[in-house]
Amino acid sequence: QWARMARAPLAALLAAALVGAAGAMVAPRAPVHARAVVRPAPPSTISMKIFDWKRRSDTYEEETDLRLHNLRPSPGSNKRKIRKGRGMGTGKGGPCGFGMRGQRSRSGRPSPPGFEGGQTPLYRRIPKLRGKPTGPGHTKKEYGLIKIDYLNKMPDNAEVSYDALLSAGHMTKVKPSTYGIKVVGGTEALAKQGLVVKAHAFTAAARAAIEANGGTCIEVPRTAPKEAATADSS
């Protein structure tokens, strides 16, 4: 060892001597009991935004009675609205969930109302009553009309009905109606006496004219068959 030190250059020996002197000048290390105690920092008051998926893990204490101040939705029942067209990272970005191509991705309504993919839609499958004022949206009652002018063609004290006028040739067929036959006024005054008129309805003027000449107005129910109506009148 002394031989190696003798061979070492003088500059290296001087550097080692200086390092040893500097180490001796360093202050001694303080004992363990005199060191400063490092305490943890207080928790931060900054909190992250609570999203809907985090609210599912929330727990609430059961309330004995419900008041306005303790009403709250169940955890996970309220979800945020899906915001479309706000970037591809949201999952509903550019196409907004409608796809890249196809009829349903275009603007406007993709198909007409009631369209069922090409099969016959419901509004074409159900039967229709054309010209019939029936259903919940119709309140008007339409009758087949018999004018007093036709009654003047019958003899006195005759029994008059729609079928009797047709068989006698005094009138033509009227449009079939759901509510039946109605006797109305006409251009002529009633001249026949003692007529027995059968119909489903009468206007006030027609009833007054028939009864003023000693006639009788018989209202036949719409659902009554012809044989029963004839038996009741006899």
C-alpha atoms as a PDB file:
ATOM      1  CA  GLN A   1       0.000   0.000   0.000  1.00  0.00           C
ATOM      2  CA  TRP A   2       2.815   2.412   0.866  1.00  0.00           C
ATOM      3  CA  ALA A   3       4.374   1.544  -2.436  1.00  0.00           C
ATOM      4  CA  ARG A   4       1.189   2.503  -4.341  1.00  0.00           C
ATOM      5  CA  MET A   5       0.924   5.776  -2.416  1.00  0.00           C
ATOM      6  CA  ALA A   6       4.501   6.587  -3.278  1.00  0.00           C
ATOM      7  CA  ARG A   7       3.816   6.060  -6.915  1.00  0.00           C
ATOM      8  CA  ALA A   8       0.595   8.237  -6.819  1.00  0.00           C
ATOM      9  CA  PRO A   9       1.035  11.807  -8.045  1.00  0.00           C
ATOM     10  CA  LEU A  10       1.288  14.645  -5.624  1.00  0.00           C
ATOM     11  CA  ALA A  11      -1.977  16.292  -6.827  1.00  0.00           C
ATOM     12  CA  ALA A  12      -4.043  13.237  -5.911  1.00  0.00           C
ATOM     13  CA  LEU A  13      -2.546  13.172  -2.414  1.00  0.00           C
ATOM     14  CA  LEU A  14      -3.371  16.806  -1.855  1.00  0.00           C
ATOM     15  CA  ALA A  15      -7.020  16.295  -2.996  1.00  0.00           C
ATOM     16  CA  ALA A  16      -7.516  13.406  -0.572  1.00  0.00           C
ATOM     17  CA  ALA A  17      -6.134  15.475   2.276  1.00  0.00           C
ATOM     18  CA  LEU A  18      -8.506  18.349   1.559  1.00  0.00           C
ATOM     19  CA  VAL A  19     -11.580  16.052   1.454  1.00  0.00           C
ATOM     20  CA  GLY A  20     -10.677  14.568   4.830  1.00  0.00           C
ATOM     21  CA  ALA A  21     -10.332  18.011   6.380  1.00  0.00           C
ATOM     22  CA  ALA A  22     -13.699  19.141   5.032  1.00  0.00           C
ATOM     23  CA  GLY A  23     -15.386  16.059   6.474  1.00  0.00           C
ATOM     24  CA  ALA A  24     -13.995  16.772   9.896  1.00  0.00           C
ATOM     25  CA  MET A  25     -15.448  20.304   9.825  1.00  0.00           C
ATOM     26  CA  VAL A  26     -19.104  19.071   9.276  1.00  0.00           C
ATOM     27  CA  ALA A  27     -21.332  19.447  12.371  1.00  0.00           C
ATOM     28  CA  PRO A  28     -22.293  16.239  14.141  1.00  0.00           C
ATOM     29  CA  ARG A  29     -25.771  14.723  13.380  1.00  0.00           C
ATOM     30  CA  ALA A  30     -28.537  15.537  15.850  1.00  0.00           C
ATOM     31  CA  PRO A  31     -29.962  12.719  17.970  1.00  0.00           C
ATOM     32  CA  VAL A  32     -33.231  11.033  16.985  1.00  0.00           C
ATOM     33  CA  HIS A  33     -35.275  12.500  19.826  1.00  0.00           C
ATOM     34  CA  ALA A  34     -34.360  16.046  18.785  1.00  0.00           C
ATOM     35  CA  ARG A  35     -35.512  15.789  15.159  1.00  0.00           C
ATOM     36  CA  ALA A  36     -38.628  17.698  13.905  1.00  0.00           C
ATOM     37  CA  VAL A  37     -41.836  15.656  13.660  1.00  0.00           C
ATOM     38  CA  VAL A  38     -43.247  15.623  10.085  1.00  0.00           C
ATOM     39  CA  ARG A  39     -47.034  15.725  10.258  1.00  0.00           C
ATOM     40  CA  PRO A  40     -49.342  14.875   7.291  1.00  0.00           C
ATOM     41  CA  ALA A  41     -51.029  17.721   5.432  1.00  0.00           C
ATOM     42  CA  PRO A  42     -54.740  18.341   6.142  1.00  0.00           C
ATOM     43  CA  PRO A  43     -57.193  16.862   3.622  1.00  0.00           C
ATOM     44  CA  SER A  44     -58.099  19.090   0.695  1.00  0.00           C
ATOM     45  CA  THR A  45     -61.516  20.712   0.577  1.00  0.00           C
ATOM     46  CA  ILE A  46     -61.671  20.405  -3.210  1.00  0.00           C
ATOM     47  CA  SER A  47     -64.047  17.591  -4.223  1.00  0.00           C
ATOM     48  CA  MET A  48     -64.622  16.031  -7.600  1.00  0.00           C
ATOM     49  CA  LYS A  49     -67.960  16.304  -9.352  1.00  0.00           C
ATOM     50  CA  ILE A  50     -70.225  13.420  -8.423  1.00  0.00           C
ATOM     51  CA  PHE A  51     -71.466  11.733 -11.569  1.00  0.00           C
ATOM     52  CA  ASP A  52     -74.543   9.547 -11.884  1.00  0.00           C
ATOM     53  CA  TRP A  53     -72.533   6.337 -11.807  1.00  0.00           C
ATOM     54  CA  LYS A  54     -71.045   7.342  -8.457  1.00  0.00           C
ATOM     55  CA  ARG A  55     -74.403   8.146  -6.906  1.00  0.00           C
ATOM     56  CA  ARG A  56     -75.385   4.492  -7.130  1.00  0.00           C
ATOM     57  CA  SER A  57     -72.987   3.687  -4.311  1.00  0.00           C
ATOM     58  CA  ASP A  58     -74.374   6.409  -2.054  1.00  0.00           C
ATOM     59  CA  THR A  59     -76.233   5.275   1.006  1.00  0.00           C
ATOM     60  CA  TYR A  60     -78.993   7.239   2.674  1.00  0.00           C
ATOM     61  CA  GLU A  61     -80.448   6.746   6.085  1.00  0.00           C
ATOM     62  CA  GLU A  62     -84.073   5.715   6.082  1.00  0.00           C
ATOM     63  CA  GLU A  63     -86.407   8.511   7.066  1.00  0.00           C
ATOM     64  CA  THR A  64     -89.212   7.739   9.428  1.00  0.00           C
ATOM     65  CA  ASP A  65     -91.482  10.395   7.911  1.00  0.00           C
ATOM     66  CA  LEU A  66     -91.287  12.109   4.547  1.00  0.00           C
ATOM     67  CA  ARG A  67     -91.124  15.871   4.548  1.00  0.00           C
ATOM     68  CA  LEU A  68     -90.243  18.461   1.947  1.00  0.00           C
ATOM     69  CA  HIS A  69     -86.738  18.859   3.331  1.00  0.00           C
ATOM     70  CA  ASN A  70     -85.836  15.157   3.113  1.00  0.00           C
ATOM     71  CA  LEU A  71     -87.319  14.227  -0.250  1.00  0.00           C
ATOM     72  CA  ARG A  72     -84.643  12.838  -2.547  1.00  0.00           C
ATOM     73  CA  PRO A  73     -84.514  10.438  -5.491  1.00  0.00           C
ATOM     74  CA  SER A  74     -83.279   6.920  -5.085  1.00  0.00           C
ATOM     75  CA  PRO A  75     -79.576   6.411  -5.857  1.00  0.00           C
ATOM     76  CA  GLY A  76     -79.117   5.849  -9.569  1.00  0.00           C
ATOM     77  CA  SER A  77     -82.709   6.692 -10.521  1.00  0.00           C
ATOM     78  CA  ASN A  78     -81.892  10.088 -12.027  1.00  0.00           C
ATOM     79  CA  LYS A  79     -79.587   9.896 -15.004  1.00  0.00           C
ATOM     80  CA  ARG A  80     -78.102  12.703 -16.988  1.00  0.00           C
ATOM     81  CA  LYS A  81     -79.472  13.463 -20.425  1.00  0.00           C
ATOM     82  CA  ILE A  82     -77.461  12.113 -23.347  1.00  0.00           C
ATOM     83  CA  ARG A  83     -75.834  15.062 -25.110  1.00  0.00           C
ATOM     84  CA  LYS A  84     -75.478  14.226 -28.782  1.00  0.00           C
ATOM     85  CA  GLY A  85     -73.099  15.823 -31.226  1.00  0.00           C
ATOM     86  CA  ARG A  86     -70.548  16.929 -28.608  1.00  0.00           C
ATOM     87  CA  GLY A  87     -67.479  15.102 -29.845  1.00  0.00           C
ATOM     88  CA  MET A  88     -66.586  11.538 -30.686  1.00  0.00           C
ATOM     89  CA  GLY A  89     -65.296  10.873 -27.173  1.00  0.00           C
ATOM     90  CA  THR A  90     -68.825  11.049 -25.752  1.00  0.00           C
ATOM     91  CA  GLY A  91     -70.015   8.033 -27.748  1.00  0.00           C
ATOM     92  CA  LYS A  92     -72.742  10.079 -29.466  1.00  0.00           C
ATOM     93  CA  GLY A  93     -70.575  12.435 -31.450  1.00  0.00           C
ATOM     94  CA  GLY A  94     -70.788  12.994 -35.192  1.00  0.00           C
ATOM     95  CA  PRO A  95     -73.591  10.597 -36.249  1.00  0.00           C
ATOM     96  CA  CYS A  96     -75.386  11.225 -32.915  1.00  0.00           C
ATOM     97  CA  GLY A  97     -76.298   7.551 -32.656  1.00  0.00           C
ATOM     98  CA  PHE A  98     -78.119   7.392 -36.012  1.00  0.00           C
ATOM     99  CA  GLY A  99     -75.374   5.697 -38.009  1.00  0.00           C
ATOM    100  CA  MET A 100     -73.367   6.848 -41.001  1.00  0.00           C
ATOM    101  CA  ARG A 101     -75.696   5.838 -43.842  1.00  0.00           C
ATOM    102  CA  GLY A 102     -79.232   4.688 -44.438  1.00  0.00           C
ATOM    103  CA  GLN A 103     -82.733   6.086 -44.516  1.00  0.00           C
ATOM    104  CA  ARG A 104     -82.953   6.587 -40.763  1.00  0.00           C
ATOM    105  CA  SER A 105     -79.755   8.648 -40.674  1.00  0.00           C
ATOM    106  CA  ARG A 106     -81.098  11.318 -43.064  1.00  0.00           C
ATOM    107  CA  SER A 107     -82.772  14.490 -41.953  1.00  0.00           C
ATOM    108  CA  GLY A 108     -86.539  14.605 -41.781  1.00  0.00           C
ATOM    109  CA  ARG A 109     -88.990  11.853 -40.996  1.00  0.00           C
ATOM    110  CA  PRO A 110     -87.691   8.516 -42.318  1.00  0.00           C
ATOM    111  CA  SER A 111     -91.135   7.037 -43.085  1.00  0.00           C
ATOM    112  CA  PRO A 112     -94.723   8.298 -43.297  1.00  0.00           C
ATOM    113  CA  PRO A 113     -97.049   8.032 -40.283  1.00  0.00           C
ATOM    114  CA  GLY A 114     -98.575   4.582 -39.975  1.00  0.00           C
ATOM    115  CA  PHE A 115     -95.861   2.903 -42.060  1.00  0.00           C
ATOM    116  CA  GLU A 116     -95.344  -0.742 -41.013  1.00  0.00           C
ATOM    117  CA  GLY A 117     -92.395  -1.772 -43.144  1.00  0.00           C
ATOM    118  CA  GLY A 118     -94.295  -2.480 -46.351  1.00  0.00           C
ATOM    119  CA  GLN A 119     -97.107  -4.665 -45.051  1.00  0.00           C
ATOM    120  CA  THR A 120    -100.693  -3.438 -45.170  1.00  0.00           C
ATOM    121  CA  PRO A 121    -100.955  -0.868 -42.354  1.00  0.00           C
ATOM    122  CA  LEU A 122    -103.643  -0.945 -39.723  1.00  0.00           C
ATOM    123  CA  TYR A 123    -105.656   1.949 -41.119  1.00  0.00           C
ATOM    124  CA  ARG A 124    -106.048  -0.004 -44.384  1.00  0.00           C
ATOM    125  CA  ARG A 125    -106.786  -3.372 -42.769  1.00  0.00           C
ATOM    126  CA  ILE A 126    -109.818  -2.280 -40.763  1.00  0.00           C
ATOM    127  CA  PRO A 127    -113.188  -1.929 -42.532  1.00  0.00           C
ATOM    128  CA  LYS A 128    -114.573   1.472 -43.426  1.00  0.00           C
ATOM    129  CA  LEU A 129    -118.125   2.807 -43.330  1.00  0.00           C
ATOM    130  CA  ARG A 130    -118.031   5.270 -46.178  1.00  0.00           C
ATOM    131  CA  GLY A 131    -120.561   8.049 -45.904  1.00  0.00           C
ATOM    132  CA  LYS A 132    -121.847   6.813 -42.555  1.00  0.00           C
ATOM    133  CA  PRO A 133    -121.693   9.394 -39.748  1.00  0.00           C
ATOM    134  CA  THR A 134    -120.780   6.821 -37.112  1.00  0.00           C
ATOM    135  CA  GLY A 135    -118.063   6.700 -34.513  1.00  0.00           C
ATOM    136  CA  PRO A 136    -117.006   8.862 -31.595  1.00  0.00           C
ATOM    137  CA  GLY A 137    -116.219  11.859 -33.788  1.00  0.00           C
ATOM    138  CA  HIS A 138    -119.652  12.111 -35.398  1.00  0.00           C
ATOM    139  CA  THR A 139    -122.689  13.562 -33.662  1.00  0.00           C
ATOM    140  CA  LYS A 140    -124.877  14.446 -36.641  1.00  0.00           C
ATOM    141  CA  LYS A 141    -127.876  12.177 -37.265  1.00  0.00           C
ATOM    142  CA  GLU A 142    -128.728  11.686 -40.935  1.00  0.00           C
ATOM    143  CA  TYR A 143    -132.073  10.205 -41.942  1.00  0.00           C
ATOM    144  CA  GLY A 144    -133.759   9.137 -45.121  1.00  0.00           C
ATOM    145  CA  LEU A 145    -136.393  11.849 -45.699  1.00  0.00           C
ATOM    146  CA  ILE A 146    -140.105  11.600 -46.513  1.00  0.00           C
ATOM    147  CA  LYS A 147    -141.734  14.887 -47.424  1.00  0.00           C
ATOM    148  CA  ILE A 148    -145.343  15.802 -46.749  1.00  0.00           C
ATOM    149  CA  ASP A 149    -145.764  16.125 -50.531  1.00  0.00           C
ATOM    150  CA  TYR A 150    -145.537  12.315 -50.734  1.00  0.00           C
ATOM    151  CA  LEU A 151    -148.218  11.904 -48.062  1.00  0.00           C
ATOM    152  CA  ASN A 152    -150.691  13.886 -50.187  1.00  0.00           C
ATOM    153  CA  LYS A 153    -150.531  11.120 -52.797  1.00  0.00           C
ATOM    154  CA  MET A 154    -151.972   8.554 -50.390  1.00  0.00           C
ATOM    155  CA  PRO A 155    -155.743   8.180 -49.769  1.00  0.00           C
ATOM    156  CA  ASP A 156    -157.431   9.413 -46.599  1.00  0.00           C
ATOM    157  CA  ASN A 157    -157.227   7.293 -43.430  1.00  0.00           C
ATOM    158  CA  ALA A 158    -154.378   5.245 -44.967  1.00  0.00           C
ATOM    159  CA  GLU A 159    -151.475   3.704 -43.159  1.00  0.00           C
ATOM    160  CA  VAL A 160    -148.331   5.344 -44.513  1.00  0.00           C
ATOM    161  CA  SER A 161    -144.772   4.075 -44.222  1.00  0.00           C
ATOM    162  CA  TYR A 162    -141.644   4.107 -46.340  1.00  0.00           C
ATOM    163  CA  ASP A 163    -142.361   0.642 -47.746  1.00  0.00           C
ATOM    164  CA  ALA A 164    -145.980   1.579 -48.528  1.00  0.00           C
ATOM    165  CA  LEU A 165    -144.904   4.678 -50.457  1.00  0.00           C
ATOM    166  CA  LEU A 166    -142.310   2.663 -52.409  1.00  0.00           C
ATOM    167  CA  SER A 167    -144.776  -0.098 -53.311  1.00  0.00           C
ATOM    168  CA  ALA A 168    -147.337   2.494 -54.446  1.00  0.00           C
ATOM    169  CA  GLY A 169    -144.729   4.229 -56.597  1.00  0.00           C
ATOM    170  CA  HIS A 170    -145.202   7.614 -54.954  1.00  0.00           C
ATOM    171  CA  MET A 171    -141.487   8.052 -54.163  1.00  0.00           C
ATOM    172  CA  THR A 172    -138.097   6.639 -55.071  1.00  0.00           C
ATOM    173  CA  LYS A 173    -135.563   4.955 -52.865  1.00  0.00           C
ATOM    174  CA  VAL A 174    -133.698   7.149 -50.420  1.00  0.00           C
ATOM    175  CA  LYS A 175    -130.080   6.747 -49.362  1.00  0.00           C
ATOM    176  CA  PRO A 176    -129.778   4.082 -46.654  1.00  0.00           C
ATOM    177  CA  SER A 177    -129.205   5.697 -43.302  1.00  0.00           C
ATOM    178  CA  THR A 178    -128.180   4.360 -39.926  1.00  0.00           C
ATOM    179  CA  TYR A 179    -130.877   6.363 -38.155  1.00  0.00           C
ATOM    180  CA  GLY A 180    -133.794   5.353 -40.385  1.00  0.00           C
ATOM    181  CA  ILE A 181    -136.599   7.388 -41.977  1.00  0.00           C
ATOM    182  CA  LYS A 182    -137.731  10.867 -40.949  1.00  0.00           C
ATOM    183  CA  VAL A 183    -140.873  12.751 -42.011  1.00  0.00           C
ATOM    184  CA  VAL A 184    -140.224  16.409 -42.788  1.00  0.00           C
ATOM    185  CA  GLY A 185    -142.196  19.321 -44.209  1.00  0.00           C
ATOM    186  CA  GLY A 186    -142.458  20.048 -47.900  1.00  0.00           C
ATOM    187  CA  THR A 187    -143.554  22.659 -50.408  1.00  0.00           C
ATOM    188  CA  GLU A 188    -147.231  21.646 -50.146  1.00  0.00           C
ATOM    189  CA  ALA A 189    -149.552  21.710 -47.161  1.00  0.00           C
ATOM    190  CA  LEU A 190    -150.945  18.397 -45.946  1.00  0.00           C
ATOM    191  CA  ALA A 191    -154.426  17.869 -47.417  1.00  0.00           C
ATOM    192  CA  LYS A 192    -155.159  14.250 -46.442  1.00  0.00           C
ATOM    193  CA  GLN A 193    -157.152  13.409 -43.326  1.00  0.00           C
ATOM    194  CA  GLY A 194    -156.628  10.700 -40.712  1.00  0.00           C
ATOM    195  CA  LEU A 195    -153.262   9.360 -41.903  1.00  0.00           C
ATOM    196  CA  VAL A 196    -151.365   6.912 -39.698  1.00  0.00           C
ATOM    197  CA  VAL A 197    -147.709   7.656 -40.442  1.00  0.00           C
ATOM    198  CA  LYS A 198    -144.923   5.332 -39.279  1.00  0.00           C
ATOM    199  CA  ALA A 199    -141.349   6.596 -39.228  1.00  0.00           C
ATOM    200  CA  HIS A 200    -138.296   6.704 -37.016  1.00  0.00           C
ATOM    201  CA  ALA A 201    -138.491  10.459 -36.448  1.00  0.00           C
ATOM    202  CA  PHE A 202    -140.682  13.484 -37.200  1.00  0.00           C
ATOM    203  CA  THR A 203    -139.948  17.145 -37.378  1.00  0.00           C
ATOM    204  CA  ALA A 204    -142.083  19.461 -35.247  1.00  0.00           C
ATOM    205  CA  ALA A 205    -143.749  21.026 -38.308  1.00  0.00           C
ATOM    206  CA  ALA A 206    -144.575  17.623 -39.882  1.00  0.00           C
ATOM    207  CA  ARG A 207    -145.993  16.249 -36.623  1.00  0.00           C
ATOM    208  CA  ALA A 208    -148.147  19.333 -36.124  1.00  0.00           C
ATOM    209  CA  ALA A 209    -149.506  19.138 -39.706  1.00  0.00           C
ATOM    210  CA  ILE A 210    -150.399  15.420 -39.441  1.00  0.00           C
ATOM    211  CA  GLU A 211    -152.078  15.723 -36.051  1.00  0.00           C
ATOM    212  CA  ALA A 212    -153.966  18.866 -37.144  1.00  0.00           C
ATOM    213  CA  ASN A 213    -155.657  16.816 -39.892  1.00  0.00           C
ATOM    214  CA  GLY A 214    -156.648  14.049 -37.476  1.00  0.00           C
ATOM    215  CA  GLY A 215    -153.702  11.818 -38.201  1.00  0.00           C
ATOM    216  CA  THR A 216    -151.366   9.853 -35.935  1.00  0.00           C
ATOM    217  CA  CYS A 217    -147.569   9.796 -35.764  1.00  0.00           C
ATOM    218  CA  ILE A 218    -145.998   6.490 -34.715  1.00  0.00           C
ATOM    219  CA  GLU A 219    -142.269   6.470 -34.001  1.00  0.00           C
ATOM    220  CA  VAL A 220    -140.768   3.074 -34.826  1.00  0.00           C
ATOM    221  CA  PRO A 221    -137.563   2.060 -32.998  1.00  0.00           C
ATOM    222  CA  ARG A 222    -134.529   1.739 -35.241  1.00  0.00           C
ATOM    223  CA  THR A 223    -133.761  -1.790 -34.036  1.00  0.00           C
ATOM    224  CA  ALA A 224    -137.313  -3.125 -34.285  1.00  0.00           C
ATOM    225  CA  PRO A 225    -137.979  -5.540 -37.192  1.00  0.00           C
ATOM    226  CA  LYS A 226    -140.711  -4.754 -39.676  1.00  0.00           C
ATOM    227  CA  GLU A 227    -143.003  -7.535 -38.460  1.00  0.00           C
ATOM    228  CA  ALA A 228    -142.811  -6.348 -34.850  1.00  0.00           C
ATOM    229  CA  ALA A 229    -143.410  -2.746 -35.855  1.00  0.00           C
ATOM    230  CA  THR A 230    -146.486  -3.780 -37.870  1.00  0.00           C
ATOM    231  CA  ALA A 231    -147.860  -5.841 -34.962  1.00  0.00           C
ATOM    232  CA  ASP A 232    -147.398  -2.984 -32.485  1.00  0.00           C
ATOM    233  CA  SER A 233    -149.185  -0.528 -34.740  1.00  0.00           C
ATOM    234  CA  SER A 234    -152.122  -2.905 -35.266  1.00  0.00           C
END
